């Protein structure tokens, strides 16, 4: 469970942080990936489930993230491969 919490924290930063909270360079990179709100919703849902102690539901919900992320991977990677890679590594850590 600790691994899941740490990974979700790392995952939620690049996905969920508002541009005005980020350094200008990183904010520009994050917005280059376009609308990440569907991923933010899944990450927030997963964190809420973990906070409630429902690890089975959190595990299922983070799998939703993986499926959605894989479906959009080619498009997102083409927009900004470096930023995509940061989020992808964090997602891999959360799902592993």
Protein backbone atom coordinates (compact mmCIF):
# COMPACT_ATOMS: atom_id res chain seq x y z
CA UNK A 1 0.00 0.00 0.00
CA UNK A 2 2.84 2.39 0.79
CA UNK A 3 4.26 1.90 -2.71
CA UNK A 4 0.85 2.70 -4.21
CA UNK A 5 0.53 5.90 -2.16
CA UNK A 6 3.99 7.14 -3.08
CA UNK A 7 3.53 6.36 -6.75
CA UNK A 8 0.15 8.05 -6.83
CA UNK A 9 1.63 11.15 -5.24
CA UNK A 10 4.25 11.31 -7.98
CA UNK A 11 1.63 10.58 -10.61
CA UNK A 12 -0.76 13.23 -9.38
CA UNK A 13 1.78 16.06 -9.54
CA UNK A 14 2.38 16.12 -13.30
CA UNK A 15 -1.18 15.16 -14.08
CA UNK A 16 -3.15 17.23 -11.57
CA UNK A 17 -1.09 20.30 -10.74
CA UNK A 18 -2.55 23.52 -12.04
CA UNK A 19 -0.20 25.42 -14.37
CA UNK A 20 -0.06 28.43 -12.03
CA UNK A 21 1.41 26.21 -9.29
CA UNK A 22 4.23 24.94 -11.48
CA UNK A 23 7.50 26.46 -12.58
CA UNK A 24 6.97 28.26 -15.92
CA UNK A 25 9.03 25.77 -17.95
CA UNK A 26 7.27 22.72 -16.51
CA UNK A 27 3.86 24.37 -16.87
CA UNK A 28 4.52 24.94 -20.55
CA UNK A 29 5.56 21.31 -20.99
CA UNK A 30 2.54 19.97 -19.11
CA UNK A 31 0.09 22.00 -21.18
CA UNK A 32 1.71 20.68 -24.35
CA UNK A 33 0.03 17.36 -23.59
CA UNK A 34 -3.38 18.97 -23.84
CA UNK A 35 -6.38 18.17 -21.67
CA UNK A 36 -5.29 15.72 -18.99
CA UNK A 37 -8.46 16.13 -16.92
CA UNK A 38 -9.66 12.54 -17.51
CA UNK A 39 -6.39 11.31 -16.01
CA UNK A 40 -6.64 13.78 -13.11
CA UNK A 41 -10.10 12.42 -12.30
CA UNK A 42 -8.85 8.84 -12.23
CA UNK A 43 -5.82 9.78 -10.09
CA UNK A 44 -8.04 11.69 -7.63
CA UNK A 45 -10.54 8.82 -7.48
CA UNK A 46 -7.71 6.38 -6.77
CA UNK A 47 -6.22 8.56 -4.03
CA UNK A 48 -9.64 8.89 -2.38
CA UNK A 49 -10.09 5.12 -2.43
CA UNK A 50 -6.65 4.62 -0.88
CA UNK A 51 -7.43 7.23 1.77
CA UNK A 52 -10.58 5.29 2.65
CA UNK A 53 -8.59 2.07 2.85
CA UNK A 54 -10.30 0.48 -0.15
CA UNK A 55 -7.15 -0.87 -1.79
CA UNK A 56 -9.03 -3.33 -4.02
CA UNK A 57 -11.09 -0.50 -5.54
CA UNK A 58 -7.98 1.72 -5.82
CA UNK A 59 -6.13 -1.04 -7.64
CA UNK A 60 -9.02 -1.45 -10.08
CA UNK A 61 -9.30 2.31 -10.61
CA UNK A 62 -5.59 2.80 -11.28
CA UNK A 63 -5.95 0.08 -13.93
CA UNK A 64 -8.51 2.39 -15.57
CA UNK A 65 -5.75 4.99 -15.71
CA UNK A 66 -3.40 2.52 -17.36
CA UNK A 67 -5.97 1.58 -20.00
CA UNK A 68 -6.79 5.21 -20.80
CA UNK A 69 -3.10 6.18 -20.80
CA UNK A 70 -2.17 3.36 -23.19
CA UNK A 71 -5.03 4.31 -25.49
CA UNK A 72 -3.71 7.90 -25.71
CA UNK A 73 0.02 7.11 -25.52
CA UNK A 74 0.95 7.61 -29.16
CA UNK A 75 -0.84 10.95 -29.38
CA UNK A 76 0.49 12.26 -26.05
CA UNK A 77 4.05 11.06 -26.67
CA UNK A 78 4.05 12.85 -30.04
CA UNK A 79 3.05 16.10 -28.33
CA UNK A 80 5.87 16.03 -25.75
CA UNK A 81 7.86 12.84 -25.31
CA UNK A 82 9.77 14.06 -22.24
CA UNK A 83 6.70 15.05 -20.24
CA UNK A 84 4.86 11.94 -21.38
CA UNK A 85 7.78 9.83 -20.12
CA UNK A 86 7.71 11.45 -16.66
CA UNK A 87 4.02 10.66 -16.25
CA UNK A 88 4.39 7.21 -17.80
CA UNK A 89 7.16 6.21 -15.37
CA UNK A 90 5.07 7.39 -12.41
CA UNK A 91 2.06 5.47 -13.72
CA UNK A 92 4.16 2.34 -14.18
CA UNK A 93 5.35 2.62 -10.57
CA UNK A 94 1.77 3.01 -9.31
CA UNK A 95 0.49 0.07 -11.28
CA UNK A 96 3.38 -2.33 -10.66
